Amino acid sequence: PFLLGLCAERGVSVSFLTEAGRFLARVQGPVSGNVLLRLAQTR
């Protein structure tokens, strides 16, 4: 959990997949994107 916390702080995504490569989950830190950009994306 301490590594996951460090990755979240530094913007390093961590993805977990099955051994064969099927996506399972992704750990990502707080969203830091521009809210105006996301509003434009939604529109």
ModelCIF file with pLDDT and N, C-alpha, C, O atoms, coordinates in Angstrom:
data_MODEL
#
_entry.id   MODEL 
#
_entity.id                         1 
_entity.type                       polymer 
_entity.pdbx_number_of_molecules   1 
#
_entity_poly.entity_id                      1 
_entity_poly.type                           'polypeptide(L)' 
_entity_poly.nstd_linkage                   no 
_entity_poly.nstd_monomer                   no 
_entity_poly.pdbx_seq_one_letter_code       PFLLGLCAERGVSVSFLTEAGRFLARVQGPVSGNVLLRLAQTR 
_entity_poly.pdbx_seq_one_letter_code_can   PFLLGLCAERGVSVSFLTEAGRFLARVQGPVSGNVLLRLAQTR 
_entity_poly.pdbx_strand_id                 A 
#
loop_
_entity_poly_seq.entity_id 
_entity_poly_seq.num 
_entity_poly_seq.mon_id 
_entity_poly_seq.hetero 
1 1  PRO n 
1 2  PHE n 
1 3  LEU n 
1 4  LEU n 
1 5  GLY n 
1 6  LEU n 
1 7  CYS n 
1 8  ALA n 
1 9  GLU n 
1 10 ARG n 
1 11 GLY n 
1 12 VAL n 
1 13 SER n 
1 14 VAL n 
1 15 SER n 
1 16 PHE n 
1 17 LEU n 
1 18 THR n 
1 19 GLU n 
1 20 ALA n 
1 21 GLY n 
1 22 ARG n 
1 23 PHE n 
1 24 LEU n 
1 25 ALA n 
1 26 ARG n 
1 27 VAL n 
1 28 GLN n 
1 29 GLY n 
1 30 PRO n 
1 31 VAL n 
1 32 SER n 
1 33 GLY n 
1 34 ASN n 
1 35 VAL n 
1 36 LEU n 
1 37 LEU n 
1 38 ARG n 
1 39 LEU n 
1 40 ALA n 
1 41 GLN n 
1 42 THR n 
1 43 ARG n 
#
_struct_asym.id          A 
_struct_asym.entity_id   1 
#
loop_
_ma_qa_metric.id 
_ma_qa_metric.mode 
_ma_qa_metric.name 
_ma_qa_metric.software_group_id 
_ma_qa_metric.type 
1 global pLDDT . pLDDT 
2 local  pLDDT . pLDDT 
#
_ma_qa_metric_global.metric_id      1 
_ma_qa_metric_global.metric_value   81.58 
_ma_qa_metric_global.model_id       1 
_ma_qa_metric_global.ordinal_id     1 
#
loop_
_ma_qa_metric_local.label_asym_id 
_ma_qa_metric_local.label_comp_id 
_ma_qa_metric_local.label_seq_id 
_ma_qa_metric_local.metric_id 
_ma_qa_metric_local.metric_value 
_ma_qa_metric_local.model_id 
_ma_qa_metric_local.ordinal_id 
A PRO 1  2 93.00 1 1  
A PHE 2  2 94.00 1 2  
A LEU 3  2 94.00 1 3  
A LEU 4  2 93.00 1 4  
A GLY 5  2 92.00 1 5  
A LEU 6  2 92.00 1 6  
A CYS 7  2 90.00 1 7  
A ALA 8  2 88.00 1 8  
A GLU 9  2 88.00 1 9  
A ARG 10 2 87.00 1 10 
A GLY 11 2 81.00 1 11 
A VAL 12 2 84.00 1 12 
A SER 13 2 79.00 1 13 
A VAL 14 2 86.00 1 14 
A SER 15 2 82.00 1 15 
A PHE 16 2 85.00 1 16 
A LEU 17 2 77.00 1 17 
A THR 18 2 78.00 1 18 
A GLU 19 2 74.00 1 19 
A ALA 20 2 64.00 1 20 
A GLY 21 2 65.00 1 21 
A ARG 22 2 68.00 1 22 
A PHE 23 2 70.00 1 23 
A LEU 24 2 79.00 1 24 
A ALA 25 2 78.00 1 25 
A ARG 26 2 77.00 1 26 
A VAL 27 2 81.00 1 27 
A GLN 28 2 73.00 1 28 
A GLY 29 2 74.00 1 29 
A PRO 30 2 69.00 1 30 
A VAL 31 2 61.00 1 31 
A SER 32 2 58.00 1 32 
A GLY 33 2 57.00 1 33 
A ASN 34 2 73.00 1 34 
A VAL 35 2 83.00 1 35 
A LEU 36 2 88.00 1 36 
A LEU 37 2 89.00 1 37 
A ARG 38 2 91.00 1 38 
A LEU 39 2 94.00 1 39 
A ALA 40 2 94.00 1 40 
A GLN 41 2 94.00 1 41 
A THR 42 2 95.00 1 42 
A ARG 43 2 96.00 1 43 
#
loop_
_atom_site.group_PDB 
_atom_site.id 
_atom_site.type_symbol 
_atom_site.label_atom_id 
_atom_site.label_alt_id 
_atom_site.label_comp_id 
_atom_site.label_asym_id 
_atom_site.label_entity_id 
_atom_site.label_seq_id 
_atom_site.pdbx_PDB_ins_code 
_atom_site.Cartn_x 
_atom_site.Cartn_y 
_atom_site.Cartn_z 
_atom_site.occupancy 
_atom_site.B_iso_or_equiv 
_atom_site.pdbx_formal_charge 
_atom_site.auth_seq_id 
_atom_site.auth_comp_id 
_atom_site.auth_asym_id 
_atom_site.auth_atom_id 
_atom_site.pdbx_PDB_model_num 
ATOM 1   N N  . PRO A 1 1  ? 0.817   -1.219  0.000   1.00 93.00 ? 1  PRO A N  1 
ATOM 2   C CA . PRO A 1 1  ? 0.000   0.000   0.000   1.00 93.00 ? 1  PRO A CA 1 
ATOM 3   C C  . PRO A 1 1  ? 0.848   1.266   0.000   1.00 93.00 ? 1  PRO A C  1 
ATOM 4   O O  . PRO A 1 1  ? 0.419   2.297   -0.518  1.00 93.00 ? 1  PRO A O  1 
ATOM 5   N N  . PHE A 1 2  ? 2.047   1.199   0.574   1.00 94.00 ? 2  PHE A N  1 
ATOM 6   C CA . PHE A 1 2  ? 2.915   2.372   0.602   1.00 94.00 ? 2  PHE A CA 1 
ATOM 7   C C  . PHE A 1 2  ? 3.445   2.687   -0.794  1.00 94.00 ? 2  PHE A C  1 
ATOM 8   O O  . PHE A 1 2  ? 3.594   3.856   -1.152  1.00 94.00 ? 2  PHE A O  1 
ATOM 9   N N  . LEU A 1 3  ? 3.728   1.659   -1.578  1.00 94.00 ? 3  LEU A N  1 
ATOM 10  C CA . LEU A 1 3  ? 4.138   1.888   -2.965  1.00 94.00 ? 3  LEU A CA 1 
ATOM 11  C C  . LEU A 1 3  ? 2.984   2.452   -3.780  1.00 94.00 ? 3  LEU A C  1 
ATOM 12  O O  . LEU A 1 3  ? 3.170   3.369   -4.580  1.00 94.00 ? 3  LEU A O  1 
ATOM 13  N N  . LEU A 1 4  ? 1.788   1.900   -3.575  1.00 93.00 ? 4  LEU A N  1 
ATOM 14  C CA . LEU A 1 4  ? 0.621   2.409   -4.308  1.00 93.00 ? 4  LEU A CA 1 
ATOM 15  C C  . LEU A 1 4  ? 0.370   3.877   -3.968  1.00 93.00 ? 4  LEU A C  1 
ATOM 16  O O  . LEU A 1 4  ? 0.003   4.671   -4.834  1.00 93.00 ? 4  LEU A O  1 
ATOM 17  N N  . GLY A 1 5  ? 0.570   4.227   -2.698  1.00 92.00 ? 5  GLY A N  1 
ATOM 18  C CA . GLY A 1 5  ? 0.411   5.625   -2.308  1.00 92.00 ? 5  GLY A CA 1 
ATOM 19  C C  . GLY A 1 5  ? 1.433   6.522   -2.979  1.00 92.00 ? 5  GLY A C  1 
ATOM 20  O O  . GLY A 1 5  ? 1.105   7.625   -3.415  1.00 92.00 ? 5  GLY A O  1 
ATOM 21  N N  . LEU A 1 6  ? 2.678   6.053   -3.065  1.00 92.00 ? 6  LEU A N  1 
ATOM 22  C CA . LEU A 1 6  ? 3.726   6.832   -3.731  1.00 92.00 ? 6  LEU A CA 1 
ATOM 23  C C  . LEU A 1 6  ? 3.403   7.006   -5.212  1.00 92.00 ? 6  LEU A C  1 
ATOM 24  O O  . LEU A 1 6  ? 3.562   8.094   -5.766  1.00 92.00 ? 6  LEU A O  1 
ATOM 25  N N  . CYS A 1 7  ? 2.957   5.941   -5.840  1.00 90.00 ? 7  CYS A N  1 
ATOM 26  C CA . CYS A 1 7  ? 2.602   6.023   -7.262  1.00 90.00 ? 7  CYS A CA 1 
ATOM 27  C C  . CYS A 1 7  ? 1.459   7.008   -7.485  1.00 90.00 ? 7  CYS A C  1 
ATOM 28  O O  . CYS A 1 7  ? 1.472   7.770   -8.452  1.00 90.00 ? 7  CYS A O  1 
ATOM 29  N N  . ALA A 1 8  ? 0.475   6.992   -6.595  1.00 88.00 ? 8  ALA A N  1 
ATOM 30  C CA . ALA A 1 8  ? -0.653  7.927   -6.711  1.00 88.00 ? 8  ALA A CA 1 
ATOM 31  C C  . ALA A 1 8  ? -0.172  9.373   -6.582  1.00 88.00 ? 8  ALA A C  1 
ATOM 32  O O  . ALA A 1 8  ? -0.623  10.251  -7.318  1.00 88.00 ? 8  ALA A O  1 
ATOM 33  N N  . GLU A 1 9  ? 0.733   9.612   -5.658  1.00 88.00 ? 9  GLU A N  1 
ATOM 34  C CA . GLU A 1 9  ? 1.266   10.969  -5.457  1.00 88.00 ? 9  GLU A CA 1 
ATOM 35  C C  . GLU A 1 9  ? 2.061   11.451  -6.667  1.00 88.00 ? 9  GLU A C  1 
ATOM 36  O O  . GLU A 1 9  ? 2.030   12.635  -7.001  1.00 88.00 ? 9  GLU A O  1 
ATOM 37  N N  . ARG A 1 10 ? 2.771   10.540  -7.319  1.00 87.00 ? 10 ARG A N  1 
ATOM 38  C CA . ARG A 1 10 ? 3.666   10.911  -8.420  1.00 87.00 ? 10 ARG A CA 1 
ATOM 39  C C  . ARG A 1 10 ? 3.016   10.766  -9.792  1.00 87.00 ? 10 ARG A C  1 
ATOM 40  O O  . ARG A 1 10 ? 3.672   10.988  -10.810 1.00 87.00 ? 10 ARG A O  1 
ATOM 41  N N  . GLY A 1 11 ? 1.740   10.399  -9.834  1.00 81.00 ? 11 GLY A N  1 
ATOM 42  C CA . GLY A 1 11 ? 1.055   10.274  -11.111 1.00 81.00 ? 11 GLY A CA 1 
ATOM 43  C C  . GLY A 1 11 ? 1.456   9.048   -11.902 1.00 81.00 ? 11 GLY A C  1 
ATOM 44  O O  . GLY A 1 11 ? 1.349   9.039   -13.129 1.00 81.00 ? 11 GLY A O  1 
ATOM 45  N N  . VAL A 1 12 ? 1.921   8.002   -11.214 1.00 84.00 ? 12 VAL A N  1 
ATOM 46  C CA . VAL A 1 12 ? 2.301   6.749   -11.879 1.00 84.00 ? 12 VAL A CA 1 
ATOM 47  C C  . VAL A 1 12 ? 1.141   5.769   -11.728 1.00 84.00 ? 12 VAL A C  1 
ATOM 48  O O  . VAL A 1 12 ? 0.823   5.350   -10.615 1.00 84.00 ? 12 VAL A O  1 
ATOM 49  N N  . SER A 1 13 ? 0.512   5.404   -12.835 1.00 79.00 ? 13 SER A N  1 
ATOM 50  C CA . SER A 1 13 ? -0.624  4.487   -12.773 1.00 79.00 ? 13 SER A CA 1 
ATOM 51  C C  . SER A 1 13 ? -0.131  3.059   -12.573 1.00 79.00 ? 13 SER A C  1 
ATOM 52  O O  . SER A 1 13 ? 0.940   2.689   -13.054 1.00 79.00 ? 13 SER A O  1 
ATOM 53  N N  . VAL A 1 14 ? -0.921  2.263   -11.860 1.00 86.00 ? 14 VAL A N  1 
ATOM 54  C CA . VAL A 1 14 ? -0.598  0.856   -11.623 1.00 86.00 ? 14 VAL A CA 1 
ATOM 55  C C  . VAL A 1 14 ? -1.781  0.020   -12.100 1.00 86.00 ? 14 VAL A C  1 
ATOM 56  O O  . VAL A 1 14 ? -2.893  0.157   -11.589 1.00 86.00 ? 14 VAL A O  1 
ATOM 57  N N  . SER A 1 15 ? -1.536  -0.844  -13.079 1.00 82.00 ? 15 SER A N  1 
ATOM 58  C CA . SER A 1 15 ? -2.591  -1.692  -13.631 1.00 82.00 ? 15 SER A CA 1 
ATOM 59  C C  . SER A 1 15 ? -2.324  -3.147  -13.279 1.00 82.00 ? 15 SER A C  1 
ATOM 60  O O  . SER A 1 15 ? -1.183  -3.609  -13.312 1.00 82.00 ? 15 SER A O  1 
ATOM 61  N N  . PHE A 1 16 ? -3.396  -3.864  -12.939 1.00 85.00 ? 16 PHE A N  1 
ATOM 62  C CA . PHE A 1 16 ? -3.302  -5.287  -12.630 1.00 85.00 ? 16 PHE A CA 1 
ATOM 63  C C  . PHE A 1 16 ? -4.067  -6.075  -13.694 1.00 85.00 ? 16 PHE A C  1 
ATOM 64  O O  . PHE A 1 16 ? -5.236  -5.803  -13.964 1.00 85.00 ? 16 PHE A O  1 
ATOM 65  N N  . LEU A 1 17 ? -3.387  -7.054  -14.290 1.00 77.00 ? 17 LEU A N  1 
ATOM 66  C CA . LEU A 1 17 ? -3.957  -7.882  -15.334 1.00 77.00 ? 17 LEU A CA 1 
ATOM 67  C C  . LEU A 1 17 ? -3.795  -9.350  -14.956 1.00 77.00 ? 17 LEU A C  1 
ATOM 68  O O  . LEU A 1 17 ? -2.964  -9.690  -14.114 1.00 77.00 ? 17 LEU A O  1 
ATOM 69  N N  . THR A 1 18 ? -4.590  -10.219 -15.579 1.00 78.00 ? 18 THR A N  1 
ATOM 70  C CA . THR A 1 18 ? -4.370  -11.638 -15.390 1.00 78.00 ? 18 THR A CA 1 
ATOM 71  C C  . THR A 1 18 ? -3.050  -12.015 -16.053 1.00 78.00 ? 18 THR A C  1 
ATOM 72  O O  . THR A 1 18 ? -2.469  -11.222 -16.794 1.00 78.00 ? 18 THR A O  1 
ATOM 73  N N  . GLU A 1 19 ? -2.585  -13.221 -15.785 1.00 74.00 ? 19 GLU A N  1 
ATOM 74  C CA . GLU A 1 19 ? -1.321  -13.657 -16.386 1.00 74.00 ? 19 GLU A CA 1 
ATOM 75  C C  . GLU A 1 19 ? -1.410  -13.677 -17.904 1.00 74.00 ? 19 GLU A C  1 
ATOM 76  O O  . GLU A 1 19 ? -0.406  -13.489 -18.591 1.00 74.00 ? 19 GLU A O  1 
ATOM 77  N N  . ALA A 1 20 ? -2.622  -13.905 -18.434 1.00 64.00 ? 20 ALA A N  1 
ATOM 78  C CA . ALA A 1 20 ? -2.815  -13.950 -19.882 1.00 64.00 ? 20 ALA A CA 1 
ATOM 79  C C  . ALA A 1 20 ? -3.002  -12.563 -20.492 1.00 64.00 ? 20 ALA A C  1 
ATOM 80  O O  . ALA A 1 20 ? -3.013  -12.421 -21.715 1.00 64.00 ? 20 ALA A O  1 
ATOM 81  N N  . GLY A 1 21 ? -3.150  -11.529 -19.639 1.00 65.00 ? 21 GLY A N  1 
ATOM 82  C CA . GLY A 1 21 ? -3.241  -10.173 -20.161 1.00 65.00 ? 21 GLY A CA 1 
ATOM 83  C C  . GLY A 1 21 ? -4.615  -9.549  -20.107 1.00 65.00 ? 21 GLY A C  1 
ATOM 84  O O  . GLY A 1 21 ? -4.810  -8.476  -20.677 1.00 65.00 ? 21 GLY A O  1 
ATOM 85  N N  . ARG A 1 22 ? -5.600  -10.183 -19.434 1.00 68.00 ? 22 ARG A N  1 
ATOM 86  C CA . ARG A 1 22 ? -6.929  -9.586  -19.327 1.00 68.00 ? 22 ARG A CA 1 
ATOM 87  C C  . ARG A 1 22 ? -6.935  -8.550  -18.210 1.00 68.00 ? 22 ARG A C  1 
ATOM 88  O O  . ARG A 1 22 ? -6.486  -8.828  -17.098 1.00 68.00 ? 22 ARG A O  1 
ATOM 89  N N  . PHE A 1 23 ? -7.442  -7.358  -18.507 1.00 70.00 ? 23 PHE A N  1 
ATOM 90  C CA . PHE A 1 23 ? -7.445  -6.264  -17.541 1.00 70.00 ? 23 PHE A CA 1 
ATOM 91  C C  . PHE A 1 23 ? -8.315  -6.599  -16.340 1.00 70.00 ? 23 PHE A C  1 
ATOM 92  O O  . PHE A 1 23 ? -9.419  -7.122  -16.492 1.00 70.00 ? 23 PHE A O  1 
ATOM 93  N N  . LEU A 1 24 ? -7.812  -6.293  -15.135 1.00 79.00 ? 24 LEU A N  1 
ATOM 94  C CA . LEU A 1 24 ? -8.553  -6.516  -13.901 1.00 79.00 ? 24 LEU A CA 1 
ATOM 95  C C  . LEU A 1 24 ? -8.890  -5.201  -13.198 1.00 79.00 ? 24 LEU A C  1 
ATOM 96  O O  . LEU A 1 24 ? -10.057 -4.930  -12.915 1.00 79.00 ? 24 LEU A O  1 
ATOM 97  N N  . ALA A 1 25 ? -7.875  -4.387  -12.916 1.00 78.00 ? 25 ALA A N  1 
ATOM 98  C CA . ALA A 1 25 ? -8.103  -3.164  -12.149 1.00 78.00 ? 25 ALA A CA 1 
ATOM 99  C C  . ALA A 1 25 ? -6.947  -2.198  -12.377 1.00 78.00 ? 25 ALA A C  1 
ATOM 100 O O  . ALA A 1 25 ? -5.882  -2.570  -12.870 1.00 78.00 ? 25 ALA A O  1 
ATOM 101 N N  . ARG A 1 26 ? -7.192  -0.956  -12.005 1.00 77.00 ? 26 ARG A N  1 
ATOM 102 C CA . ARG A 1 26 ? -6.185  0.088   -12.172 1.00 77.00 ? 26 ARG A CA 1 
ATOM 103 C C  . ARG A 1 26 ? -6.215  0.996   -10.953 1.00 77.00 ? 26 ARG A C  1 
ATOM 104 O O  . ARG A 1 26 ? -7.287  1.392   -10.495 1.00 77.00 ? 26 ARG A O  1 
ATOM 105 N N  . VAL A 1 27 ? -5.049  1.324   -10.431 1.00 81.00 ? 27 VAL A N  1 
ATOM 106 C CA . VAL A 1 27 ? -4.929  2.236   -9.296  1.00 81.00 ? 27 VAL A CA 1 
ATOM 107 C C  . VAL A 1 27 ? -4.411  3.563   -9.825  1.00 81.00 ? 27 VAL A C  1 
ATOM 108 O O  . VAL A 1 27 ? -3.358  3.628   -10.460 1.00 81.00 ? 27 VAL A O  1 
ATOM 109 N N  . GLN A 1 28 ? -5.160  4.611   -9.557  1.00 73.00 ? 28 GLN A N  1 
ATOM 110 C CA . GLN A 1 28 ? -4.817  5.931   -10.065 1.00 73.00 ? 28 GLN A CA 1 
ATOM 111 C C  . GLN A 1 28 ? -5.021  6.958   -8.962  1.00 73.00 ? 28 GLN A C  1 
ATOM 112 O O  . GLN A 1 28 ? -5.960  6.846   -8.173  1.00 73.00 ? 28 GLN A O  1 
ATOM 113 N N  . GLY A 1 29 ? -4.145  7.959   -8.904  1.00 74.00 ? 29 GLY A N  1 
ATOM 114 C CA . GLY A 1 29 ? -4.266  8.998   -7.891  1.00 74.00 ? 29 GLY A CA 1 
ATOM 115 C C  . GLY A 1 29 ? -5.393  9.971   -8.200  1.00 74.00 ? 29 GLY A C  1 
ATOM 116 O O  . GLY A 1 29 ? -6.137  9.762   -9.158  1.00 74.00 ? 29 GLY A O  1 
ATOM 117 N N  . PRO A 1 30 ? -5.535  11.036  -7.406  1.00 69.00 ? 30 PRO A N  1 
ATOM 118 C CA . PRO A 1 30 ? -6.593  12.020  -7.624  1.00 69.00 ? 30 PRO A CA 1 
ATOM 119 C C  . PRO A 1 30 ? -6.523  12.629  -9.021  1.00 69.00 ? 30 PRO A C  1 
ATOM 120 O O  . PRO A 1 30 ? -5.440  12.884  -9.548  1.00 69.00 ? 30 PRO A O  1 
ATOM 121 N N  . VAL A 1 31 ? -7.689  12.855  -9.606  1.00 61.00 ? 31 VAL A N  1 
ATOM 122 C CA . VAL A 1 31 ? -7.761  13.469  -10.926 1.00 61.00 ? 31 VAL A CA 1 
ATOM 123 C C  . VAL A 1 31 ? -7.290  14.912  -10.840 1.00 61.00 ? 31 VAL A C  1 
ATOM 124 O O  . VAL A 1 31 ? -7.776  15.687  -10.016 1.00 61.00 ? 31 VAL A O  1 
ATOM 125 N N  . SER A 1 32 ? -6.333  15.268  -11.703 1.00 58.00 ? 32 SER A N  1 
ATOM 126 C CA . SER A 1 32 ? -5.788  16.625  -11.662 1.00 58.00 ? 32 SER A CA 1 
ATOM 127 C C  . SER A 1 32 ? -6.094  17.410  -12.930 1.00 58.00 ? 32 SER A C  1 
ATOM 128 O O  . SER A 1 32 ? -5.574  18.508  -13.130 1.00 58.00 ? 32 SER A O  1 
ATOM 129 N N  . GLY A 1 33 ? -6.948  16.837  -13.792 1.00 57.00 ? 33 GLY A N  1 
ATOM 130 C CA . GLY A 1 33 ? -7.246  17.484  -15.065 1.00 57.00 ? 33 GLY A CA 1 
ATOM 131 C C  . GLY A 1 33 ? -8.045  18.767  -14.893 1.00 57.00 ? 33 GLY A C  1 
ATOM 132 O O  . GLY A 1 33 ? -8.661  19.002  -13.853 1.00 57.00 ? 33 GLY A O  1 
ATOM 133 N N  . ASN A 1 34 ? -8.020  19.579  -15.921 1.00 73.00 ? 34 ASN A N  1 
ATOM 134 C CA . ASN A 1 34 ? -8.769  20.825  -15.950 1.00 73.00 ? 34 ASN A CA 1 
ATOM 135 C C  . ASN A 1 34 ? -10.253 20.516  -16.047 1.00 73.00 ? 34 ASN A C  1 
ATOM 136 O O  . ASN A 1 34 ? -10.682 19.866  -17.000 1.00 73.00 ? 34 ASN A O  1 
ATOM 137 N N  . VAL A 1 35 ? -11.046 20.967  -15.081 1.00 83.00 ? 35 VAL A N  1 
ATOM 138 C CA . VAL A 1 35 ? -12.472 20.666  -15.083 1.00 83.00 ? 35 VAL A CA 1 
ATOM 139 C C  . VAL A 1 35 ? -13.157 21.284  -16.295 1.00 83.00 ? 35 VAL A C  1 
ATOM 140 O O  . VAL A 1 35 ? -14.150 20.742  -16.782 1.00 83.00 ? 35 VAL A O  1 
ATOM 141 N N  . LEU A 1 36 ? -12.642 22.418  -16.794 1.00 88.00 ? 36 LEU A N  1 
ATOM 142 C CA . LEU A 1 36 ? -13.240 23.043  -17.969 1.00 88.00 ? 36 LEU A CA 1 
ATOM 143 C C  . LEU A 1 36 ? -13.054 22.167  -19.210 1.00 88.00 ? 36 LEU A C  1 
ATOM 144 O O  . LEU A 1 36 ? -13.920 22.116  -20.084 1.00 88.00 ? 36 LEU A O  1 
ATOM 145 N N  . LEU A 1 37 ? -11.911 21.481  -19.271 1.00 89.00 ? 37 LEU A N  1 
ATOM 146 C CA . LEU A 1 37 ? -11.684 20.578  -20.395 1.00 89.00 ? 37 LEU A CA 1 
ATOM 147 C C  . LEU A 1 37 ? -12.656 19.410  -20.337 1.00 89.00 ? 37 LEU A C  1 
ATOM 148 O O  . LEU A 1 37 ? -13.193 18.999  -21.366 1.00 89.00 ? 37 LEU A O  1 
ATOM 149 N N  . ARG A 1 38 ? -12.883 18.880  -19.166 1.00 91.00 ? 38 ARG A N  1 
ATOM 150 C CA . ARG A 1 38 ? -13.804 17.748  -19.042 1.00 91.00 ? 38 ARG A CA 1 
ATOM 151 C C  . ARG A 1 38 ? -15.243 18.170  -19.328 1.00 91.00 ? 38 ARG A C  1 
ATOM 152 O O  . ARG A 1 38 ? -16.024 17.388  -19.871 1.00 91.00 ? 38 ARG A O  1 
ATOM 153 N N  . LEU A 1 39 ? -15.588 19.378  -18.971 1.00 94.00 ? 39 LEU A N  1 
ATOM 154 C CA . LEU A 1 39 ? -16.912 19.888  -19.328 1.00 94.00 ? 39 LEU A CA 1 
ATOM 155 C C  . LEU A 1 39 ? -17.048 20.009  -20.840 1.00 94.00 ? 39 LEU A C  1 
ATOM 156 O O  . LEU A 1 39 ? -18.095 19.691  -21.403 1.00 94.00 ? 39 LEU A O  1 
ATOM 157 N N  . ALA A 1 40 ? -15.982 20.471  -21.495 1.00 94.00 ? 40 ALA A N  1 
ATOM 158 C CA . ALA A 1 40 ? -15.996 20.567  -22.955 1.00 94.00 ? 40 ALA A CA 1 
ATOM 159 C C  . ALA A 1 40 ? -16.105 19.184  -23.583 1.00 94.00 ? 40 ALA A C  1 
ATOM 160 O O  . ALA A 1 40 ? -16.779 19.013  -24.598 1.00 94.00 ? 40 ALA A O  1 
ATOM 161 N N  . GLN A 1 41 ? -15.448 18.204  -22.987 1.00 94.00 ? 41 GLN A N  1 
ATOM 162 C CA . GLN A 1 41 ? -15.529 16.830  -23.473 1.00 94.00 ? 41 GLN A CA 1 
ATOM 163 C C  . GLN A 1 41 ? -16.957 16.298  -23.355 1.00 94.00 ? 41 GLN A C  1 
ATOM 164 O O  . GLN A 1 41 ? -17.459 15.647  -24.271 1.00 94.00 ? 41 GLN A O  1 
ATOM 165 N N  . THR A 1 42 ? -17.603 16.574  -22.237 1.00 95.00 ? 42 THR A N  1 
ATOM 166 C CA . THR A 1 42 ? -18.977 16.124  -22.029 1.00 95.00 ? 42 THR A CA 1 
ATOM 167 C C  . THR A 1 42 ? -19.932 16.798  -23.014 1.00 95.00 ? 42 THR A C  1 
ATOM 168 O O  . THR A 1 42 ? -20.826 16.151  -23.559 1.00 95.00 ? 42 THR A O  1 
ATOM 169 N N  . ARG A 1 43 ? -19.739 18.095  -23.239 1.00 96.00 ? 43 ARG A N  1 
ATOM 170 C CA . ARG A 1 43 ? -20.602 18.802  -24.194 1.00 96.00 ? 43 ARG A CA 1 
ATOM 171 C C  . ARG A 1 43 ? -20.432 18.242  -25.601 1.00 96.00 ? 43 ARG A C  1 
ATOM 172 O O  . ARG A 1 43 ? -21.079 18.714  -26.536 1.00 96.00 ? 43 ARG A O  1 
#
